[in-house]
Protein backbone atom coordinates (compact mmCIF):
# COMPACT_ATOMS: atom_id res chain seq x y z
CA UNK A 1 -26.94 6.92 0.95
CA UNK A 2 -26.88 7.92 -2.71
CA UNK A 3 -28.54 11.21 -3.53
CA UNK A 4 -30.35 11.67 -6.84
CA UNK A 5 -29.69 14.77 -8.93
CA UNK A 6 -33.21 16.01 -8.14
CA UNK A 7 -32.65 15.48 -4.40
CA UNK A 8 -29.40 17.41 -4.51
CA UNK A 9 -31.07 20.29 -6.39
CA UNK A 10 -33.90 20.49 -3.86
CA UNK A 11 -31.42 20.39 -0.97
CA UNK A 12 -29.23 23.15 -2.36
CA UNK A 13 -32.25 25.29 -3.28
CA UNK A 14 -33.62 24.99 0.26
CA UNK A 15 -30.18 25.63 1.73
CA UNK A 16 -29.68 28.73 -0.43
CA UNK A 17 -33.11 30.10 0.56
CA UNK A 18 -32.35 29.46 4.21
CA UNK A 19 -29.01 31.27 3.90
CA UNK A 20 -30.71 34.23 2.29
CA UNK A 21 -33.24 34.46 5.10
CA UNK A 22 -30.57 34.15 7.75
CA UNK A 23 -28.50 36.98 6.29
CA UNK A 24 -31.11 39.39 5.00
CA UNK A 25 -34.30 38.92 7.05
CA UNK A 26 -33.07 41.20 9.81
CA UNK A 27 -31.27 44.20 8.31
CA UNK A 28 -30.73 45.68 11.75
CA UNK A 29 -28.58 42.73 12.75
CA UNK A 30 -26.84 42.23 9.39
CA UNK A 31 -23.48 43.53 10.55
CA UNK A 32 -23.59 41.34 13.65
CA UNK A 33 -24.41 38.31 11.53
CA UNK A 34 -21.53 39.00 9.14
CA UNK A 35 -19.21 39.42 12.11
CA UNK A 36 -20.40 36.14 13.63
CA UNK A 37 -19.76 34.37 10.33
CA UNK A 38 -16.25 35.78 10.06
CA UNK A 39 -15.45 34.92 13.66
CA UNK A 40 -16.65 31.36 13.12
CA UNK A 41 -14.51 31.01 9.98
CA UNK A 42 -11.44 32.41 11.77
CA UNK A 43 -12.00 30.10 14.73
CA UNK A 44 -12.58 26.97 12.65
CA UNK A 45 -9.57 27.70 10.42
CA UNK A 46 -7.21 28.60 13.25
CA UNK A 47 -5.37 25.26 13.16
CA UNK A 48 -4.92 25.25 9.36
CA UNK A 49 -2.73 28.15 8.24
CA UNK A 50 -3.46 27.64 4.54
CA UNK A 51 -7.21 27.89 4.97
CA UNK A 52 -6.85 30.77 7.44
CA UNK A 53 -4.58 32.67 5.02
CA UNK A 54 -7.05 32.24 2.16
CA UNK A 55 -9.98 33.64 4.10
CA UNK A 56 -7.95 36.50 5.54
CA UNK A 57 -6.80 37.44 2.03
CA UNK A 58 -10.33 37.46 0.58
CA UNK A 59 -11.93 39.32 3.48
CA UNK A 60 -13.74 36.18 4.69
CA UNK A 61 -15.91 36.06 1.59
CA UNK A 62 -17.61 32.64 1.49
CA UNK A 63 -16.49 30.18 -1.16
CA UNK A 64 -19.18 27.56 -0.58
CA UNK A 65 -22.01 28.88 1.57
CA UNK A 66 -22.99 32.07 -0.26
CA UNK A 67 -26.26 32.40 -2.17
CA UNK A 68 -24.73 33.05 -5.59
CA UNK A 69 -24.77 30.66 -8.53
CA UNK A 70 -21.02 30.00 -8.32
CA UNK A 71 -21.34 29.02 -4.65
CA UNK A 72 -24.14 26.60 -5.50
CA UNK A 73 -22.05 25.15 -8.34
CA UNK A 74 -19.02 24.71 -6.10
CA UNK A 75 -21.12 22.89 -3.48
CA UNK A 76 -22.65 20.64 -6.13
CA UNK A 77 -19.30 19.85 -7.75
CA UNK A 78 -17.63 19.04 -4.43
CA UNK A 79 -20.45 16.74 -3.37
CA UNK A 80 -20.41 14.97 -6.72
CA UNK A 81 -16.63 14.59 -6.54
CA UNK A 82 -16.42 13.14 -3.05
CA UNK A 83 -19.29 10.75 -3.74
CA UNK A 84 -17.43 9.50 -6.84
CA UNK A 85 -14.04 8.83 -5.23
CA UNK A 86 -14.52 5.06 -5.41
CA UNK A 87 -14.08 5.37 -9.19
CA UNK A 88 -10.51 6.49 -8.45
CA UNK A 89 -9.74 3.80 -5.87
CA UNK A 90 -10.08 6.20 -2.93
CA UNK A 91 -12.14 5.57 0.23
CA UNK A 92 -15.47 7.43 0.44
CA UNK A 93 -15.43 7.43 4.25
CA UNK A 94 -12.33 9.64 4.20
CA UNK A 95 -14.42 12.53 2.84
CA UNK A 96 -17.68 11.80 4.71
CA UNK A 97 -20.14 13.21 2.17
CA UNK A 98 -23.13 12.29 4.36
CA UNK A 99 -21.65 14.08 7.37
CA UNK A 100 -20.94 17.18 5.33
CA UNK A 101 -24.46 17.19 3.88
CA UNK A 102 -25.89 16.84 7.37
CA UNK A 103 -23.81 19.75 8.68
CA UNK A 104 -25.05 21.96 5.83
CA UNK A 105 -28.65 20.90 6.41
CA UNK A 106 -28.35 21.85 10.10
CA UNK A 107 -27.11 25.41 9.49
CA UNK A 108 -29.32 27.76 11.53
CA UNK A 109 -27.08 30.69 12.43
CA UNK A 110 -24.25 32.68 10.86
CA UNK A 111 -21.88 30.83 13.19
CA UNK A 112 -23.16 27.48 11.89
CA UNK A 113 -22.61 28.75 8.37
CA UNK A 114 -19.02 29.79 9.14
CA UNK A 115 -18.24 26.37 10.60
CA UNK A 116 -19.77 24.65 7.57
CA UNK A 117 -17.79 26.92 5.25
CA UNK A 118 -14.48 25.80 6.73
CA UNK A 119 -15.59 22.16 6.88
CA UNK A 120 -16.20 22.24 3.13
CA UNK A 121 -12.82 23.84 2.49
CA UNK A 122 -11.09 21.17 4.60
CA UNK A 123 -12.84 18.38 2.71
CA UNK A 124 -12.09 20.05 -0.61
CA UNK A 125 -8.38 20.41 0.14
CA UNK A 126 -8.13 16.80 1.27
CA UNK A 127 -9.90 15.62 -1.87
CA UNK A 128 -7.91 17.89 -4.22
CA UNK A 129 -4.53 16.72 -2.95
CA UNK A 130 -5.55 13.07 -2.78
CA UNK A 131 -6.95 12.97 -6.31
CA UNK A 132 -4.09 14.95 -7.85
CA UNK A 133 -0.96 13.72 -6.07
CA UNK A 134 -2.05 10.70 -4.03
CA UNK A 135 -3.45 9.89 -0.62
CA UNK A 136 -0.35 8.11 0.75
CA UNK A 137 3.15 9.44 1.41
CA UNK A 138 5.30 6.98 -0.58
CA UNK A 139 8.45 7.00 1.56
CA UNK A 140 6.38 6.08 4.62
CA UNK A 141 5.15 2.98 2.82
CA UNK A 142 8.59 1.87 1.57
CA UNK A 143 11.87 3.70 2.12
CA UNK A 144 13.05 2.86 -1.41
CA UNK A 145 10.22 4.89 -2.96
CA UNK A 146 12.13 8.16 -2.93
CA UNK A 147 10.14 9.89 -5.64
CA UNK A 148 9.56 13.60 -5.09
CA UNK A 149 5.81 14.13 -5.20
CA UNK A 150 4.73 17.26 -7.15
CA UNK A 151 2.49 18.63 -4.41
CA UNK A 152 0.57 21.78 -5.31
CA UNK A 153 0.13 24.76 -3.00
CA UNK A 154 -2.98 24.18 -0.83
CA UNK A 155 -3.96 27.85 -0.76
CA UNK A 156 -3.61 27.83 -4.53
CA UNK A 157 -6.35 25.20 -4.74
CA UNK A 158 -8.77 27.52 -2.96
CA UNK A 159 -7.71 30.56 -4.96
CA UNK A 160 -7.91 28.62 -8.21
CA UNK A 161 -11.40 27.36 -7.46
CA UNK A 162 -12.57 30.87 -6.59
CA UNK A 163 -11.52 32.19 -10.02
CA UNK A 164 -12.39 29.20 -12.26
CA UNK A 165 -15.62 27.59 -13.37
CA UNK A 166 -16.17 24.83 -10.76
CA UNK A 167 -16.87 22.00 -13.22
CA UNK A 168 -13.71 22.73 -15.21
CA UNK A 169 -11.61 23.04 -12.07
CA UNK A 170 -12.75 19.68 -10.67
CA UNK A 171 -12.28 17.94 -14.03
CA UNK A 172 -8.67 19.13 -14.14
CA UNK A 173 -7.71 17.72 -10.72
CA UNK A 174 -7.12 13.98 -11.45
CA UNK A 175 -4.17 12.94 -13.66
CA UNK A 176 -5.00 13.59 -17.32
CA UNK A 177 -2.71 10.88 -18.66
CA UNK A 178 -3.91 8.14 -20.99
CA UNK A 179 -2.50 5.64 -18.50
CA UNK A 180 -4.73 6.90 -15.69
CA UNK A 181 -7.84 6.80 -17.86
CA UNK A 182 -7.00 3.27 -18.98
CA UNK A 183 -6.57 2.17 -15.37
CA UNK A 184 -10.00 3.55 -14.46
CA UNK A 185 -11.55 1.48 -17.27
CA UNK A 186 -9.59 -1.61 -16.20
CA UNK A 187 -10.74 -1.13 -12.61
CA UNK A 188 -14.38 -1.21 -13.72
CA UNK A 189 -13.78 -4.30 -15.84
CA UNK A 190 -11.97 -6.16 -13.07
CA UNK A 191 -14.67 -5.27 -10.52
CA UNK A 192 -17.32 -6.73 -12.79
CA UNK A 193 -15.20 -9.84 -13.30
CA UNK A 194 -14.63 -10.19 -9.55
CA UNK A 195 -18.35 -9.89 -8.84
CA UNK A 196 -19.10 -12.58 -11.44
CA UNK A 197 -16.71 -15.12 -9.92
CA UNK A 198 -13.38 -14.36 -11.56
CA UNK A 199 -11.51 -16.88 -13.67
CA UNK A 200 -12.54 -19.98 -11.78
CA UNK A 201 -10.26 -22.62 -10.19
CA UNK A 202 -6.48 -22.27 -10.29
CA UNK A 203 -4.27 -24.80 -12.04
CA UNK A 204 -3.06 -27.54 -9.63
CA UNK A 205 0.44 -27.91 -11.08
CA UNK A 206 3.81 -26.24 -10.63
CA UNK A 207 4.53 -26.47 -14.37
CA UNK A 208 3.17 -28.05 -17.54
CA UNK A 209 4.71 -28.63 -20.97
CA UNK A 210 3.25 -29.14 -24.46
CA UNK A 211 2.22 -32.76 -24.94
CA UNK A 212 1.03 -33.17 -21.33
CA UNK A 213 -2.42 -34.56 -20.51
CA UNK A 214 -4.52 -35.01 -17.41
CA UNK A 215 -6.69 -32.98 -15.00
CA UNK A 216 -4.10 -30.21 -14.58
CA UNK A 217 -4.01 -29.62 -18.34
CA UNK A 218 -7.82 -29.44 -18.42
CA UNK A 219 -7.65 -26.89 -15.58
CA UNK A 220 -5.07 -24.88 -17.56
CA UNK A 221 -7.32 -24.97 -20.63
CA UNK A 222 -10.29 -23.78 -18.60
CA UNK A 223 -8.21 -21.00 -17.08
CA UNK A 224 -7.01 -19.82 -20.50
CA UNK A 225 -10.61 -19.90 -21.81
CA UNK A 226 -11.84 -17.86 -18.83
CA UNK A 227 -9.07 -15.32 -19.44
CA UNK A 228 -10.04 -15.02 -23.15
CA UNK A 229 -6.76 -16.49 -24.39
CA UNK A 230 -8.37 -19.60 -25.88
CA UNK A 231 -11.60 -20.47 -27.69
CA UNK A 232 -13.82 -23.05 -26.03
CA UNK A 233 -12.92 -26.51 -27.34
CA UNK A 234 -13.32 -30.23 -26.58
CA UNK A 235 -9.55 -30.85 -26.77
CA UNK A 236 -8.04 -32.20 -23.54
CA UNK A 237 -4.28 -32.24 -24.12
CA UNK A 238 -1.58 -29.56 -24.15
CA UNK A 239 -1.67 -29.10 -27.91
CA UNK A 240 -0.64 -26.34 -30.30
CA UNK A 241 -3.70 -24.22 -29.56
CA UNK A 242 -3.03 -24.22 -25.81
CA UNK A 243 0.66 -23.56 -26.41
CA UNK A 244 -0.24 -20.51 -28.53
CA UNK A 245 -2.59 -19.29 -25.77
CA UNK A 246 0.14 -19.65 -23.15
CA UNK A 247 2.58 -17.81 -25.43
CA UNK A 248 0.22 -14.84 -25.76
CA UNK A 249 -0.31 -14.84 -21.99
CA UNK A 250 3.47 -14.79 -21.54
CA UNK A 251 3.84 -11.86 -23.94
CA UNK A 252 1.17 -9.94 -22.04
CA UNK A 253 2.90 -10.59 -18.73
CA UNK A 254 6.51 -9.88 -19.69
CA UNK A 255 7.62 -13.53 -19.64
CA UNK A 256 9.69 -15.54 -22.10
CA UNK A 257 7.16 -16.60 -24.74
CA UNK A 258 8.15 -20.24 -25.22
CA UNK A 259 4.62 -21.59 -24.72
CA UNK A 260 5.75 -23.69 -21.75
CA UNK A 261 3.83 -23.11 -18.52
CA UNK A 262 6.90 -23.16 -16.30
CA UNK A 263 7.05 -22.02 -12.69
CA UNK A 264 7.11 -18.25 -13.38
CA UNK A 265 4.33 -18.53 -15.96
CA UNK A 266 2.18 -20.76 -13.78
CA UNK A 267 2.54 -18.36 -10.85
CA UNK A 268 1.15 -15.56 -13.00
CA UNK A 269 -1.63 -17.73 -14.48
CA UNK A 270 -2.81 -18.57 -10.97
CA UNK A 271 -2.97 -14.97 -9.77
CA UNK A 272 -6.63 -14.21 -9.11
CA UNK A 273 -8.82 -11.30 -10.20
CA UNK A 274 -8.72 -9.86 -6.67
CA UNK A 275 -4.93 -9.46 -6.80
CA UNK A 276 -5.09 -7.99 -10.29
CA UNK A 277 -7.66 -5.46 -9.13
CA UNK A 278 -5.39 -4.55 -6.23
CA UNK A 279 -2.57 -3.96 -8.72
CA UNK A 280 -4.78 -1.62 -10.74
CA UNK A 281 -5.82 0.42 -7.70
CA UNK A 282 -2.19 0.64 -6.54
CA UNK A 283 -1.14 1.72 -10.04
CA UNK A 284 -3.72 4.52 -9.90
CA UNK A 285 -2.23 5.80 -6.65
CA UNK A 286 1.25 5.55 -8.18
CA UNK A 287 0.07 7.48 -11.24
CA UNK A 288 -1.12 10.25 -8.92
CA UNK A 289 2.33 10.36 -7.28
CA UNK A 290 3.79 10.70 -10.78
CA UNK A 291 1.37 13.42 -11.93
CA UNK A 292 3.93 15.69 -13.58
CA UNK A 293 5.36 16.63 -16.94
CA UNK A 294 7.65 13.75 -17.92
CA UNK A 295 9.46 15.29 -20.86
CA UNK A 296 8.76 15.26 -24.58
CA UNK A 297 11.62 12.76 -24.79
CA UNK A 298 12.25 10.72 -21.66
CA UNK A 299 13.55 7.38 -20.46
CA UNK A 300 11.17 5.10 -18.61
CA UNK A 301 12.52 2.19 -16.56
CA UNK A 302 9.74 -0.01 -15.19
CA UNK A 303 11.41 -2.11 -12.50
CA UNK A 304 8.94 -5.08 -12.36
CA UNK A 305 8.80 -5.14 -16.17
CA UNK A 306 12.62 -5.43 -16.34
CA UNK A 307 12.62 -2.99 -19.24
CA UNK A 308 14.02 0.39 -20.26
CA UNK A 309 12.28 2.48 -22.91
CA UNK A 310 13.01 5.71 -24.73
CA UNK A 311 9.76 7.62 -25.14
CA UNK A 312 9.16 10.36 -27.71
CA UNK A 313 5.88 12.25 -27.67
CA UNK A 314 4.25 9.46 -25.69
CA UNK A 315 5.38 6.68 -28.04
CA UNK A 316 8.06 4.02 -27.49
CA UNK A 317 10.92 4.64 -29.92
CA UNK A 318 13.31 2.12 -28.34
CA UNK A 319 12.88 -0.71 -25.86
CA UNK A 320 15.35 -3.13 -24.31
CA UNK A 321 15.36 -5.72 -21.56
CA UNK A 322 16.99 -4.78 -18.28
CA UNK A 323 18.38 -6.31 -15.12
CA UNK A 324 17.50 -4.47 -11.90
CA UNK A 325 18.59 -4.63 -8.28
CA UNK A 326 18.44 -7.94 -6.43
CA UNK A 327 15.70 -8.48 -3.86
CA UNK A 328 18.03 -9.00 -0.91
CA UNK A 329 19.73 -6.59 1.51
CA UNK A 330 20.05 -3.02 0.25
CA UNK A 331 20.13 -3.91 -3.45
CA UNK A 332 16.57 -3.22 -4.73
CA UNK A 333 16.50 -0.40 -7.27
CA UNK A 334 14.91 2.76 -5.82
CA UNK A 335 12.13 4.74 -7.51
CA UNK A 336 12.87 8.34 -8.45
CA UNK A 337 13.28 10.74 -11.37
CA UNK A 338 16.35 12.66 -12.51
CA UNK A 339 17.96 13.93 -15.70
CA UNK A 340 20.49 12.07 -17.89
CA UNK A 341 23.31 14.45 -18.78
CA UNK A 342 25.95 12.28 -20.42
CA UNK A 343 27.23 8.82 -21.23
CA UNK A 344 30.71 7.40 -20.71
CA UNK A 345 32.12 5.11 -23.39
CA UNK A 346 34.85 2.68 -22.24
CA UNK A 347 34.09 3.48 -18.58
CA UNK A 348 36.12 2.61 -15.53
CA UNK A 349 34.20 1.04 -12.69
CA UNK A 350 34.76 2.94 -9.47
CA UNK A 351 33.62 0.32 -7.00
CA UNK A 352 31.02 1.67 -4.54
CA UNK A 353 32.26 1.89 -0.96
CA UNK A 354 29.62 -0.55 0.25
CA UNK A 355 30.84 -3.22 -2.16
CA UNK A 356 34.49 -2.53 -1.32
CA UNK A 357 33.96 -3.03 2.41
CA UNK A 358 31.28 -5.72 2.39
CA UNK A 359 32.54 -7.93 -0.43
CA UNK A 360 36.12 -7.19 -1.50
CA UNK A 361 37.79 -6.38 1.84
CA UNK A 362 36.89 -9.78 3.40
CA UNK A 363 38.14 -11.51 0.23
CA UNK A 364 41.41 -9.53 0.33
CA UNK A 365 41.88 -10.46 3.99
CA UNK A 366 41.71 -14.10 2.98
CA UNK A 367 43.85 -13.67 -0.13
CA UNK A 368 45.62 -10.41 -1.04
CA UNK A 369 45.46 -11.39 -4.73
CA UNK A 370 41.67 -11.74 -4.74
CA UNK A 371 39.84 -9.70 -7.42
CA UNK A 372 43.14 -9.15 -9.20
CA UNK A 373 41.37 -7.53 -12.15
CA UNK A 374 40.53 -4.55 -9.93
CA UNK A 375 43.09 -1.94 -8.94
CA UNK A 376 43.45 -0.74 -5.35
CA UNK A 377 44.03 3.02 -5.22
CA UNK A 378 44.88 5.60 -2.57
CA UNK A 379 43.16 8.92 -1.92
CA UNK A 380 45.05 10.54 -4.81
CA UNK A 381 44.01 7.81 -7.26
CA UNK A 382 47.45 6.15 -7.38
CA UNK A 383 47.60 2.38 -7.73
CA UNK A 384 48.66 0.68 -4.47
CA UNK A 385 50.97 -2.35 -4.35
CA UNK A 386 48.89 -5.10 -2.73
CA UNK A 387 52.02 -6.72 -1.31
CA UNK A 388 52.64 -3.63 0.82
CA UNK A 389 49.22 -3.66 2.49
CA UNK A 390 48.23 -5.61 5.60
CA UNK A 391 44.53 -6.02 4.83
CA UNK A 392 43.90 -7.76 8.15
CA UNK A 393 44.65 -4.49 9.93
CA UNK A 394 41.53 -2.81 8.50
CA UNK A 395 37.80 -3.03 8.87
CA UNK A 396 34.83 -1.52 7.02
CA UNK A 397 35.16 1.78 8.90
CA UNK A 398 38.86 2.48 8.56
CA UNK A 399 39.81 0.89 5.22
CA UNK A 400 41.62 3.85 3.54
CA UNK A 401 41.65 2.64 -0.06
CA UNK A 402 39.34 2.72 -3.08
CA UNK A 403 39.02 0.20 -5.89
CA UNK A 404 38.81 0.76 -9.63
CA UNK A 405 38.38 -1.55 -12.60
CA UNK A 406 39.94 -0.04 -15.78
CA UNK A 407 38.03 -0.04 -19.09
CA UNK A 408 37.76 -3.44 -20.74
CA UNK A 409 35.21 -5.84 -22.19
CA UNK A 410 35.10 -7.64 -18.85
CA UNK A 411 34.49 -4.42 -16.90
CA UNK A 412 31.48 -4.73 -14.57
CA UNK A 413 29.90 -1.78 -16.39
CA UNK A 414 30.59 -3.24 -19.82
CA UNK A 415 31.56 -0.72 -22.50
CA UNK A 416 29.16 2.17 -21.82
CA UNK A 417 27.32 3.74 -18.92
CA UNK A 418 24.56 6.35 -18.93
CA UNK A 419 24.72 8.95 -16.18
CA UNK A 420 21.98 10.92 -14.47
CA UNK A 421 23.91 12.04 -11.35
CA UNK A 422 21.91 11.31 -8.21
CA UNK A 423 22.54 10.73 -4.52
CA UNK A 424 21.55 7.07 -4.82
CA UNK A 425 24.49 6.30 -7.19
CA UNK A 426 22.13 4.66 -9.70
CA UNK A 427 22.77 4.67 -13.44
CA UNK A 428 22.14 2.57 -16.56
CA UNK A 429 24.97 0.52 -18.05
CA UNK A 430 26.20 -2.33 -20.20
CA UNK A 431 27.28 -5.62 -18.62
CA UNK A 432 29.42 -8.63 -19.59
CA UNK A 433 26.84 -10.93 -17.90
CA UNK A 434 24.62 -11.27 -20.97
CA UNK A 435 23.03 -14.61 -20.00
CA UNK A 436 20.91 -12.98 -17.28
CA UNK A 437 18.75 -11.24 -19.88
CA UNK A 438 17.20 -14.56 -20.89
CA UNK A 439 15.64 -15.05 -17.44
CA UNK A 440 11.97 -14.34 -16.68
CA UNK A 441 12.87 -12.60 -13.42
CA UNK A 442 15.89 -10.33 -13.84
CA UNK A 443 16.72 -8.95 -10.38
CA UNK A 444 20.46 -9.52 -9.93
CA UNK A 445 22.32 -6.19 -9.75
CA UNK A 446 23.52 -4.10 -6.81
CA UNK A 447 20.82 -1.55 -7.67
CA UNK A 448 21.89 -0.07 -11.01
CA UNK A 449 20.03 -0.95 -14.20
CA UNK A 450 21.82 -3.13 -16.77
CA UNK A 451 20.73 -2.96 -20.40
CA UNK A 452 20.54 -5.86 -22.85
CA UNK A 453 21.16 -3.57 -25.85
CA UNK A 454 23.27 -0.71 -24.52
CA UNK A 455 24.89 0.19 -27.87
CA UNK A 456 21.54 0.53 -29.62
CA UNK A 457 20.27 2.52 -26.63
CA UNK A 458 23.22 4.89 -27.09
CA UNK A 459 22.63 5.20 -30.83
CA UNK A 460 19.04 6.26 -30.23
CA UNK A 461 20.04 8.86 -27.63
CA UNK A 462 22.72 10.25 -29.95
CA UNK A 463 20.45 10.29 -32.99
CA UNK A 464 19.20 13.79 -32.18
CA UNK A 465 22.70 15.28 -32.15
CA UNK A 466 24.82 13.15 -34.49
CA UNK A 467 24.21 12.58 -38.22
CA UNK A 468 25.77 9.09 -37.96
CA UNK A 469 25.28 8.11 -34.31
CA UNK A 470 26.47 4.51 -34.72
CA UNK A 471 29.70 5.49 -36.48
CA UNK A 472 30.32 8.22 -33.92
CA UNK A 473 29.84 5.80 -31.01
CA UNK A 474 31.89 3.00 -32.53
CA UNK A 475 34.80 5.32 -33.34
CA UNK A 476 35.10 6.31 -29.69
CA UNK A 477 34.61 2.71 -28.58
CA UNK A 478 37.46 1.46 -30.78
CA UNK A 479 39.84 4.03 -29.28
CA UNK A 480 39.66 2.23 -25.94
CA UNK A 481 39.86 5.57 -24.16
CA UNK A 482 37.46 6.46 -21.38
CA UNK A 483 35.38 9.22 -23.00
CA UNK A 484 32.56 11.37 -21.66
CA UNK A 485 29.90 12.25 -24.27
CA UNK A 486 27.57 15.05 -23.21
CA UNK A 487 23.94 14.94 -24.33
CA UNK A 488 23.19 18.30 -25.93
CA UNK A 489 19.64 18.05 -24.63
CA UNK A 490 19.54 16.30 -21.23
CA UNK A 491 16.88 13.58 -21.04
CA UNK A 492 14.59 13.03 -18.02
CA UNK A 493 14.88 9.54 -16.53
CA UNK A 494 12.01 8.01 -14.56
CA UNK A 495 12.51 4.82 -12.56
CA UNK A 496 8.99 3.61 -11.88
CA UNK A 497 7.40 0.48 -10.41
CA UNK A 498 4.19 -0.69 -12.07
CA UNK A 499 2.70 -4.16 -11.87
CA UNK A 500 -0.31 -3.03 -13.91
CA UNK A 501 0.66 -1.23 -17.13
CA UNK A 502 -1.11 -0.26 -20.35
CA UNK A 503 0.33 -1.40 -23.65
CA UNK A 504 0.24 0.41 -27.00
CA UNK A 505 -3.12 -1.23 -27.82
CA UNK A 506 -4.66 0.20 -24.65
CA UNK A 507 -4.84 -3.20 -22.92
CA UNK A 508 -3.65 -3.65 -19.34
CA UNK A 509 -0.76 -6.04 -18.75
CA UNK A 510 0.42 -7.35 -15.39
CA UNK A 511 3.79 -8.04 -13.82
CA UNK A 512 4.95 -9.79 -10.65
CA UNK A 513 5.48 -7.65 -7.54
CA UNK A 514 9.21 -8.45 -7.48
CA UNK A 515 10.07 -6.34 -4.40
CA UNK A 516 6.70 -6.64 -2.64
CA UNK A 517 6.24 -2.86 -2.75
CA UNK A 518 2.78 -2.96 -4.27
CA UNK A 519 1.67 -5.32 -1.50
CA UNK A 520 2.78 -2.71 1.04
CA UNK A 521 0.94 0.06 -0.81
CA UNK A 522 -2.23 -2.01 -1.04
CA UNK A 523 -2.02 -2.75 2.68
CA UNK A 524 -1.74 0.98 3.41
CA UNK A 525 -4.65 1.79 1.10
CA UNK A 526 -6.71 -0.95 2.70
CA UNK A 527 -6.01 0.41 6.19
CA UNK A 528 -7.15 3.82 4.91
CA UNK A 529 -10.50 2.32 3.92
CA UNK A 530 -10.13 1.23 0.28
CA UNK A 531 -11.92 -2.02 -0.48
CA UNK A 532 -12.42 -4.05 -3.63
CA UNK A 533 -15.46 -4.42 -5.83
CA UNK A 534 -16.35 -0.74 -5.90
CA UNK A 535 -17.78 -0.91 -2.37
CA UNK A 536 -15.98 1.66 -0.25
CA UNK A 537 -16.14 1.65 3.51
């Protein structure tokens, strides 16, 4: 049921009058009624320490069910908020606005009022946390989402509401970022498109090239027209106009813009409106998880976009392609935030233990001269003579050696690495495997993020502390010596995962769900009651 503004006003006016009669009609029993209210609040809040602590601290003064103007405003704002949660991709049933309204309407005694008071606080706290920092717990959805969520103090929500104008307080709860606002607009647009039938039939072909003709090309044309990439035309072949449309689609979806509808491009063209809407709703939940100060200057690595950006005051000042962790085994790149403290020019590669034991030890057991470009070292860092080691005598648990690749142009880390020390051993770095950056899907690493333009990335980072950052970098590089360069102002690094992202023009672009994480999040949201089309159940 949707309540009109007039209906809500009449309800709250009647409720306020009823409360006044209940409290003040019998002065002789006023103390008893107050006591009954307090006892009911204490009883109802007994299994929620935050709510109980708030009411104990304020002497059990009502926040919602009093007769004052602020109480009425708080009730009205809460009801409006929980009946508008579908706009934010949250499930209305989770907050049960109708049930809460019914409980308020059935208040007859001070005890009833105390129970309703706590019920409203419970609903408010659930809504406030959900809308500000997300409904789901990320690590329970996927263990590689290790982001620390900036949860606010629950008692602080209640205290803040009690000392702030209700309308202003509720407005400040959702993320205030431009990205979040753009996603809300995109959600509305995609819902309308879904309700009107979407983009029509998919293209029945695995790939198509310029010059092609036939029914599949006509289907591709129709699809591009429906997506607003092509003007309506009588042309039937894969001509220059269709090639240009496909190129723009590729640009908007992070693909190589060659104008050829290859396998990766065709997969994205055939994604339906329903899936795109799911991506938007998931991105909104992710934005709530990431509702924090990101840094005036920060680095943003969007894993499905295969990109790394340097952001200054909300604007991209440098962007480069990236390679991220492979989709198999334990290689996918995790999601988290940390702070970049330094870079290492001419780095050594200290091979991670997992790679030593899983990949190099078996190779050394077959051939002691395998991976000859990498040194084997003991616990004190001394190089070990391979001929003196019986590799067959060891396994993954008892192998006592480490492995190190000295600085060189063929080093696995290339010629520079960027360090933000973290327990996941993830960092950004150069690579000698340059050909991988030309791929549409760039998930090949062991988890770290490889950069297509690492030198230019370094120049930009150093530009705030060196008058000639390129000359400074190149001078150290030419020395061949492994050199640590400290960033005078450490830079926050955010590894995020967004398949729906807003570009500089304010348009939403889409990416493939390379690790399947967004599918897991959507499944969890769906189980919690979120549905598509703006109809929440």
